[in-house]
């Protein structure tokens, strides 16, 4: 599983010109699911997300996590995080999970974050989405 986490002031996802989800301060997480991923990966990464300290405290140090600031998460599936660009000019996606497995594990990842008490909204699996955001910092973390 690959995650690209962006600290945002706000983010929103639109499909067909209609907003389907939006958040205020928090994380926009692009989630890629690989063929070899398991529920152990979900548990490990959900814990990392919930404790990732990239929000500033009163002294300007990144010491606060998403729970400390009562932030929100927007989780968006993105199979292209598994792009193989080692050959030619067209990426291959052989290492990405198939749609059924990817959707299932993405949903389980989202559910785990909710079980941890995090406020979560999502994009739409398998849809062409437009994402609008204000990256705060910018701060971007890759797991």
N, C-alpha and C. Protein backbone atom coordinates (compact mmCIF):
# COMPACT_ATOMS: atom_id res chain seq x y z
N UNK A 1 0.85 -1.17 0.00
CA UNK A 1 0.00 0.00 0.00
C UNK A 1 0.90 1.24 0.00
N UNK A 2 0.56 2.17 -0.82
CA UNK A 2 1.31 3.42 -0.90
C UNK A 2 0.38 4.57 -0.58
N UNK A 3 0.88 5.48 0.27
CA UNK A 3 0.10 6.65 0.65
C UNK A 3 0.90 7.90 0.34
N UNK A 4 0.23 8.88 -0.23
CA UNK A 4 0.78 10.23 -0.36
C UNK A 4 -0.13 11.10 0.50
N UNK A 5 0.46 11.63 1.57
CA UNK A 5 -0.31 12.42 2.54
C UNK A 5 0.08 13.88 2.38
N UNK A 6 -0.92 14.71 2.13
CA UNK A 6 -0.67 16.14 2.01
C UNK A 6 -1.40 16.86 3.13
N UNK A 7 -0.66 17.70 3.85
CA UNK A 7 -1.29 18.54 4.86
C UNK A 7 -2.00 19.66 4.12
N UNK A 8 -3.30 19.80 4.37
CA UNK A 8 -4.08 20.77 3.60
C UNK A 8 -4.85 21.73 4.50
N UNK A 9 -5.12 22.90 3.95
CA UNK A 9 -6.04 23.84 4.59
C UNK A 9 -7.47 23.48 4.22
N UNK A 10 -7.65 22.97 3.01
CA UNK A 10 -8.91 22.37 2.59
C UNK A 10 -8.66 21.52 1.36
N UNK A 11 -9.59 20.61 1.11
CA UNK A 11 -9.51 19.78 -0.10
C UNK A 11 -10.93 19.36 -0.46
N UNK A 12 -11.14 19.17 -1.75
CA UNK A 12 -12.45 18.69 -2.21
C UNK A 12 -12.28 17.83 -3.45
N UNK A 13 -13.21 16.91 -3.60
CA UNK A 13 -13.24 16.01 -4.75
C UNK A 13 -14.54 16.23 -5.49
N UNK A 14 -14.42 16.39 -6.81
CA UNK A 14 -15.60 16.52 -7.67
C UNK A 14 -15.61 15.41 -8.70
N UNK A 15 -16.80 14.98 -9.04
CA UNK A 15 -17.01 14.01 -10.11
C UNK A 15 -18.09 14.58 -11.01
N UNK A 16 -17.78 14.69 -12.29
CA UNK A 16 -18.75 15.23 -13.23
C UNK A 16 -19.20 16.63 -12.90
N UNK A 17 -18.30 17.43 -12.32
CA UNK A 17 -18.62 18.81 -12.00
C UNK A 17 -19.35 19.01 -10.68
N UNK A 18 -19.64 17.91 -9.95
CA UNK A 18 -20.34 18.01 -8.67
C UNK A 18 -19.41 17.61 -7.53
N UNK A 19 -19.38 18.42 -6.48
CA UNK A 19 -18.56 18.12 -5.32
C UNK A 19 -19.16 16.91 -4.60
N UNK A 20 -18.32 15.88 -4.38
CA UNK A 20 -18.78 14.68 -3.68
C UNK A 20 -18.26 14.61 -2.25
N UNK A 21 -17.14 15.27 -1.97
CA UNK A 21 -16.58 15.31 -0.61
C UNK A 21 -15.70 16.53 -0.48
N UNK A 22 -15.69 17.10 0.74
CA UNK A 22 -14.74 18.17 1.01
C UNK A 22 -14.45 18.23 2.50
N UNK A 23 -13.23 18.69 2.80
CA UNK A 23 -12.79 18.80 4.19
C UNK A 23 -12.14 20.16 4.40
N UNK A 24 -12.00 20.51 5.68
CA UNK A 24 -11.22 21.67 6.07
C UNK A 24 -9.80 21.22 6.38
N UNK A 25 -9.23 21.76 7.42
CA UNK A 25 -7.84 21.45 7.79
C UNK A 25 -7.68 19.95 8.07
N UNK A 26 -6.62 19.39 7.50
CA UNK A 26 -6.36 17.97 7.73
C UNK A 26 -5.44 17.38 6.70
N UNK A 27 -5.77 16.12 6.31
CA UNK A 27 -4.96 15.37 5.34
C UNK A 27 -5.77 15.05 4.10
N UNK A 28 -5.18 15.26 2.95
CA UNK A 28 -5.63 14.62 1.73
C UNK A 28 -4.71 13.43 1.56
N UNK A 29 -5.28 12.23 1.51
CA UNK A 29 -4.47 11.02 1.37
C UNK A 29 -4.82 10.34 0.06
N UNK A 30 -3.82 10.24 -0.83
CA UNK A 30 -3.95 9.47 -2.05
C UNK A 30 -3.51 8.06 -1.71
N UNK A 31 -4.37 7.07 -1.98
CA UNK A 31 -4.14 5.70 -1.54
C UNK A 31 -4.00 4.77 -2.74
N UNK A 32 -2.84 4.14 -2.85
CA UNK A 32 -2.61 3.12 -3.89
C UNK A 32 -2.53 1.75 -3.23
N UNK A 33 -3.22 0.79 -3.81
CA UNK A 33 -3.21 -0.58 -3.27
C UNK A 33 -2.46 -1.47 -4.25
N UNK A 34 -1.50 -2.22 -3.70
CA UNK A 34 -0.69 -3.12 -4.52
C UNK A 34 -1.16 -4.56 -4.42
N UNK A 35 -0.72 -5.36 -5.38
CA UNK A 35 -1.11 -6.78 -5.44
C UNK A 35 -0.72 -7.56 -4.19
N UNK A 36 0.36 -7.16 -3.53
CA UNK A 36 0.88 -7.90 -2.38
C UNK A 36 0.36 -7.37 -1.04
N UNK A 37 -0.51 -6.38 -1.06
CA UNK A 37 -0.96 -5.76 0.18
C UNK A 37 -1.90 -6.66 0.96
N UNK A 38 -1.92 -6.43 2.29
CA UNK A 38 -2.74 -7.26 3.17
C UNK A 38 -3.37 -6.38 4.25
N UNK A 39 -4.18 -7.01 5.08
CA UNK A 39 -4.80 -6.28 6.18
C UNK A 39 -3.76 -5.83 7.20
N UNK A 40 -2.64 -6.52 7.28
CA UNK A 40 -1.55 -6.06 8.17
C UNK A 40 -1.04 -4.70 7.72
N UNK A 41 -0.95 -4.49 6.41
CA UNK A 41 -0.52 -3.19 5.88
C UNK A 41 -1.51 -2.11 6.28
N UNK A 42 -2.79 -2.44 6.21
CA UNK A 42 -3.84 -1.48 6.58
C UNK A 42 -3.67 -1.05 8.03
N UNK A 43 -3.51 -2.01 8.92
CA UNK A 43 -3.39 -1.71 10.35
C UNK A 43 -2.15 -0.84 10.61
N UNK A 44 -1.04 -1.21 10.02
CA UNK A 44 0.21 -0.48 10.23
C UNK A 44 0.11 0.96 9.71
N UNK A 45 -0.43 1.12 8.51
CA UNK A 45 -0.48 2.46 7.93
C UNK A 45 -1.56 3.33 8.56
N UNK A 46 -2.67 2.74 8.97
CA UNK A 46 -3.70 3.52 9.66
C UNK A 46 -3.13 4.08 10.96
N UNK A 47 -2.36 3.28 11.67
CA UNK A 47 -1.71 3.75 12.90
C UNK A 47 -0.74 4.89 12.60
N UNK A 48 0.05 4.73 11.53
CA UNK A 48 0.99 5.79 11.14
C UNK A 48 0.25 7.10 10.85
N UNK A 49 -0.85 6.99 10.08
CA UNK A 49 -1.62 8.19 9.73
C UNK A 49 -2.16 8.87 10.99
N UNK A 50 -2.70 8.08 11.90
CA UNK A 50 -3.34 8.66 13.09
C UNK A 50 -2.35 9.32 14.03
N UNK A 51 -1.09 8.93 13.96
CA UNK A 51 -0.09 9.49 14.89
C UNK A 51 0.95 10.38 14.21
N UNK A 52 0.82 10.58 12.91
CA UNK A 52 1.77 11.40 12.16
C UNK A 52 1.71 12.85 12.65
N UNK A 53 2.83 13.33 13.17
CA UNK A 53 2.88 14.67 13.76
C UNK A 53 3.47 15.66 12.75
N UNK A 54 2.59 16.24 11.95
CA UNK A 54 3.05 17.22 10.96
C UNK A 54 2.28 18.54 11.05
N UNK A 55 1.56 18.73 12.15
CA UNK A 55 0.89 20.01 12.38
C UNK A 55 1.66 20.75 13.46
N UNK A 56 1.73 22.06 13.31
CA UNK A 56 2.56 22.87 14.20
C UNK A 56 1.91 23.11 15.55
N UNK A 57 2.75 23.07 16.59
CA UNK A 57 2.30 23.42 17.93
C UNK A 57 2.45 24.93 18.12
N UNK A 58 2.27 25.40 19.34
CA UNK A 58 2.36 26.84 19.62
C UNK A 58 3.76 27.41 19.40
N UNK A 59 4.77 26.54 19.35
CA UNK A 59 6.14 26.99 19.13
C UNK A 59 6.58 26.86 17.67
N UNK A 60 5.65 26.51 16.80
CA UNK A 60 5.97 26.40 15.38
C UNK A 60 6.64 25.09 15.00
N UNK A 61 6.69 24.12 15.92
CA UNK A 61 7.29 22.81 15.63
C UNK A 61 6.20 21.83 15.23
N UNK A 62 6.54 20.93 14.30
CA UNK A 62 5.58 19.92 13.88
C UNK A 62 5.49 18.83 14.95
N UNK A 63 4.64 19.07 15.94
CA UNK A 63 4.47 18.17 17.07
C UNK A 63 3.05 17.67 17.24
N UNK A 64 2.12 18.14 16.43
CA UNK A 64 0.71 17.80 16.60
C UNK A 64 0.28 16.81 15.52
N UNK A 65 -0.61 15.88 15.91
CA UNK A 65 -1.15 14.94 14.94
C UNK A 65 -2.58 15.34 14.55
N UNK A 66 -3.17 14.59 13.67
CA UNK A 66 -4.50 14.90 13.14
C UNK A 66 -5.54 14.92 14.26
N UNK A 67 -5.38 14.05 15.26
CA UNK A 67 -6.33 14.01 16.37
C UNK A 67 -6.18 15.23 17.26
N UNK A 68 -4.94 15.67 17.48
CA UNK A 68 -4.69 16.83 18.33
C UNK A 68 -5.37 18.08 17.80
N UNK A 69 -5.39 18.23 16.48
CA UNK A 69 -5.95 19.45 15.90
C UNK A 69 -7.42 19.29 15.49
N UNK A 70 -7.96 18.08 15.73
CA UNK A 70 -9.34 17.76 15.33
C UNK A 70 -9.54 17.99 13.84
N UNK A 71 -8.54 17.52 13.07
CA UNK A 71 -8.58 17.66 11.62
C UNK A 71 -9.40 16.57 10.95
N UNK A 72 -9.57 16.72 9.66
CA UNK A 72 -10.34 15.77 8.86
C UNK A 72 -9.42 15.10 7.85
N UNK A 73 -9.87 13.98 7.33
CA UNK A 73 -9.13 13.25 6.31
C UNK A 73 -10.01 13.06 5.09
N UNK A 74 -9.43 13.32 3.93
CA UNK A 74 -10.07 13.00 2.65
C UNK A 74 -9.23 11.92 1.99
N UNK A 75 -9.79 10.73 1.88
CA UNK A 75 -9.09 9.57 1.32
C UNK A 75 -9.54 9.35 -0.11
N UNK A 76 -8.56 9.30 -1.02
CA UNK A 76 -8.86 9.19 -2.46
C UNK A 76 -8.08 8.01 -3.03
N UNK A 77 -8.78 7.06 -3.67
CA UNK A 77 -8.07 5.93 -4.28
C UNK A 77 -7.30 6.39 -5.52
N UNK A 78 -6.06 5.88 -5.68
CA UNK A 78 -5.26 6.28 -6.83
C UNK A 78 -4.32 5.15 -7.22
N UNK A 79 -4.78 4.30 -8.14
CA UNK A 79 -3.97 3.15 -8.56
C UNK A 79 -2.68 3.57 -9.25
N UNK A 80 -2.61 4.78 -9.78
CA UNK A 80 -1.41 5.21 -10.50
C UNK A 80 -0.21 5.38 -9.58
N UNK A 81 -0.40 5.29 -8.26
CA UNK A 81 0.74 5.32 -7.35
C UNK A 81 1.62 4.09 -7.55
N UNK A 82 1.10 3.07 -8.23
CA UNK A 82 1.87 1.87 -8.53
C UNK A 82 2.40 1.86 -9.97
N UNK A 83 2.50 3.01 -10.58
CA UNK A 83 3.02 3.10 -11.95
C UNK A 83 4.47 2.63 -12.01
N UNK A 84 4.76 1.79 -12.97
CA UNK A 84 6.14 1.36 -13.25
C UNK A 84 6.61 2.14 -14.46
N UNK A 85 7.60 3.00 -14.26
CA UNK A 85 8.10 3.86 -15.33
C UNK A 85 9.51 3.48 -15.77
N UNK A 86 9.90 2.24 -15.48
CA UNK A 86 11.28 1.83 -15.79
C UNK A 86 11.49 1.52 -17.26
N UNK A 87 10.43 1.24 -17.99
CA UNK A 87 10.56 0.91 -19.41
C UNK A 87 9.67 1.82 -20.25
N UNK A 88 10.23 2.35 -21.29
CA UNK A 88 9.44 3.13 -22.24
C UNK A 88 8.87 4.40 -21.66
N UNK A 89 7.87 4.92 -22.37
CA UNK A 89 7.26 6.19 -21.99
C UNK A 89 5.84 6.04 -21.46
N UNK A 90 5.31 4.83 -21.53
CA UNK A 90 3.97 4.59 -21.02
C UNK A 90 4.08 3.74 -19.76
N UNK A 91 3.55 4.24 -18.63
CA UNK A 91 3.69 3.48 -17.39
C UNK A 91 2.92 2.17 -17.43
N UNK A 92 3.45 1.19 -16.73
CA UNK A 92 2.76 -0.08 -16.55
C UNK A 92 2.20 -0.14 -15.13
N UNK A 93 1.15 -0.92 -14.95
CA UNK A 93 0.49 -0.98 -13.65
C UNK A 93 0.35 -2.41 -13.14
N UNK A 94 1.30 -3.26 -13.51
CA UNK A 94 1.23 -4.67 -13.14
C UNK A 94 1.26 -4.90 -11.63
N UNK A 95 1.88 -4.01 -10.88
CA UNK A 95 1.99 -4.19 -9.43
C UNK A 95 0.78 -3.65 -8.66
N UNK A 96 -0.09 -2.92 -9.35
CA UNK A 96 -1.31 -2.42 -8.71
C UNK A 96 -2.30 -3.57 -8.53
N UNK A 97 -3.03 -3.53 -7.45
CA UNK A 97 -4.07 -4.53 -7.23
C UNK A 97 -5.18 -4.36 -8.25
N UNK A 98 -5.87 -5.44 -8.56
CA UNK A 98 -7.04 -5.36 -9.43
C UNK A 98 -8.14 -4.55 -8.76
N UNK A 99 -9.12 -4.10 -9.53
CA UNK A 99 -10.16 -3.22 -8.98
C UNK A 99 -10.90 -3.79 -7.77
N UNK A 100 -11.26 -5.05 -7.81
CA UNK A 100 -12.02 -5.63 -6.70
C UNK A 100 -11.20 -5.62 -5.40
N UNK A 101 -9.98 -6.11 -5.48
CA UNK A 101 -9.11 -6.15 -4.30
C UNK A 101 -8.78 -4.73 -3.82
N UNK A 102 -8.47 -3.85 -4.76
CA UNK A 102 -8.10 -2.48 -4.40
C UNK A 102 -9.25 -1.78 -3.68
N UNK A 103 -10.46 -1.90 -4.20
CA UNK A 103 -11.61 -1.27 -3.56
C UNK A 103 -11.84 -1.85 -2.16
N UNK A 104 -11.74 -3.15 -2.05
CA UNK A 104 -11.95 -3.81 -0.75
C UNK A 104 -10.93 -3.33 0.29
N UNK A 105 -9.65 -3.32 -0.08
CA UNK A 105 -8.63 -2.90 0.89
C UNK A 105 -8.69 -1.40 1.17
N UNK A 106 -9.02 -0.60 0.17
CA UNK A 106 -9.18 0.84 0.39
C UNK A 106 -10.32 1.09 1.38
N UNK A 107 -11.44 0.38 1.19
CA UNK A 107 -12.58 0.54 2.11
C UNK A 107 -12.19 0.10 3.53
N UNK A 108 -11.43 -0.99 3.64
CA UNK A 108 -11.00 -1.45 4.96
C UNK A 108 -10.06 -0.45 5.62
N UNK A 109 -9.18 0.16 4.83
CA UNK A 109 -8.29 1.20 5.35
C UNK A 109 -9.13 2.36 5.88
N UNK A 110 -10.10 2.80 5.10
CA UNK A 110 -10.97 3.90 5.52
C UNK A 110 -11.74 3.55 6.79
N UNK A 111 -12.27 2.34 6.84
CA UNK A 111 -13.01 1.90 8.02
C UNK A 111 -12.12 1.86 9.26
N UNK A 112 -10.89 1.44 9.08
CA UNK A 112 -9.95 1.40 10.21
C UNK A 112 -9.70 2.80 10.75
N UNK A 113 -9.53 3.77 9.85
CA UNK A 113 -9.33 5.16 10.29
C UNK A 113 -10.56 5.65 11.07
N UNK A 114 -11.74 5.32 10.59
CA UNK A 114 -12.97 5.72 11.31
C UNK A 114 -13.04 5.06 12.68
N UNK A 115 -12.69 3.76 12.74
CA UNK A 115 -12.68 3.04 14.02
C UNK A 115 -11.73 3.69 15.02
N UNK A 116 -10.71 4.35 14.52
CA UNK A 116 -9.73 5.02 15.38
C UNK A 116 -10.24 6.39 15.82
N UNK A 117 -11.46 6.74 15.42
CA UNK A 117 -12.07 7.99 15.84
C UNK A 117 -11.76 9.18 14.95
N UNK A 118 -11.22 8.93 13.76
CA UNK A 118 -10.87 10.03 12.86
C UNK A 118 -12.07 10.39 11.97
N UNK A 119 -12.18 11.67 11.66
CA UNK A 119 -13.23 12.14 10.76
C UNK A 119 -12.74 11.93 9.34
N UNK A 120 -13.49 11.14 8.57
CA UNK A 120 -13.03 10.73 7.24
C UNK A 120 -14.11 10.93 6.19
N UNK A 121 -13.69 11.45 5.06
CA UNK A 121 -14.53 11.54 3.87
C UNK A 121 -13.74 10.92 2.74
N UNK A 122 -14.42 10.57 1.65
CA UNK A 122 -13.73 9.86 0.58
C UNK A 122 -14.08 10.38 -0.81
N UNK A 123 -13.18 10.03 -1.73
CA UNK A 123 -13.48 10.17 -3.14
C UNK A 123 -14.33 8.98 -3.55
N UNK A 124 -14.45 8.76 -4.85
CA UNK A 124 -15.25 7.65 -5.37
C UNK A 124 -14.35 6.68 -6.13
N UNK A 125 -14.39 5.44 -5.73
CA UNK A 125 -13.55 4.43 -6.37
C UNK A 125 -13.97 4.24 -7.83
N UNK A 126 -12.97 4.18 -8.71
CA UNK A 126 -13.21 3.89 -10.11
C UNK A 126 -13.76 5.04 -10.94
N UNK A 127 -13.87 6.20 -10.35
CA UNK A 127 -14.40 7.37 -11.06
C UNK A 127 -13.27 8.30 -11.46
N UNK A 128 -13.53 9.08 -12.50
CA UNK A 128 -12.60 10.15 -12.88
C UNK A 128 -12.91 11.33 -11.95
N UNK A 129 -11.94 11.66 -11.11
CA UNK A 129 -12.15 12.70 -10.09
C UNK A 129 -11.29 13.91 -10.38
N UNK A 130 -11.79 15.05 -9.96
CA UNK A 130 -11.01 16.28 -9.95
C UNK A 130 -10.81 16.64 -8.49
N UNK A 131 -9.55 16.92 -8.13
CA UNK A 131 -9.23 17.22 -6.74
C UNK A 131 -8.69 18.65 -6.67
N UNK A 132 -9.28 19.39 -5.77
CA UNK A 132 -8.84 20.76 -5.53
C UNK A 132 -8.36 20.83 -4.08
N UNK A 133 -7.21 21.47 -3.86
CA UNK A 133 -6.69 21.55 -2.51
C UNK A 133 -5.79 22.75 -2.34
N UNK A 134 -5.62 23.12 -1.10
CA UNK A 134 -4.57 24.08 -0.73
C UNK A 134 -3.63 23.30 0.17
N UNK A 135 -2.44 23.00 -0.38
CA UNK A 135 -1.41 22.28 0.37
C UNK A 135 -0.79 23.26 1.35
N UNK A 136 -0.80 22.90 2.61
CA UNK A 136 -0.33 23.78 3.67
C UNK A 136 1.14 23.50 3.96
N UNK A 137 2.00 24.43 3.62
CA UNK A 137 3.43 24.29 3.91
C UNK A 137 4.31 24.60 2.71
N UNK A 138 4.36 23.81 1.71
CA UNK A 138 3.69 22.51 1.53
C UNK A 138 4.36 21.43 2.40
N UNK A 139 3.50 20.54 2.89
CA UNK A 139 3.97 19.37 3.62
C UNK A 139 3.36 18.15 2.95
N UNK A 140 4.21 17.29 2.42
CA UNK A 140 3.79 16.05 1.77
C UNK A 140 4.66 14.91 2.27
N UNK A 141 4.00 13.86 2.74
CA UNK A 141 4.69 12.70 3.29
C UNK A 141 4.29 11.47 2.47
N UNK A 142 5.26 10.62 2.16
CA UNK A 142 4.99 9.42 1.39
C UNK A 142 5.31 8.20 2.24
N UNK A 143 4.31 7.30 2.36
CA UNK A 143 4.52 5.99 3.02
C UNK A 143 4.39 4.94 1.95
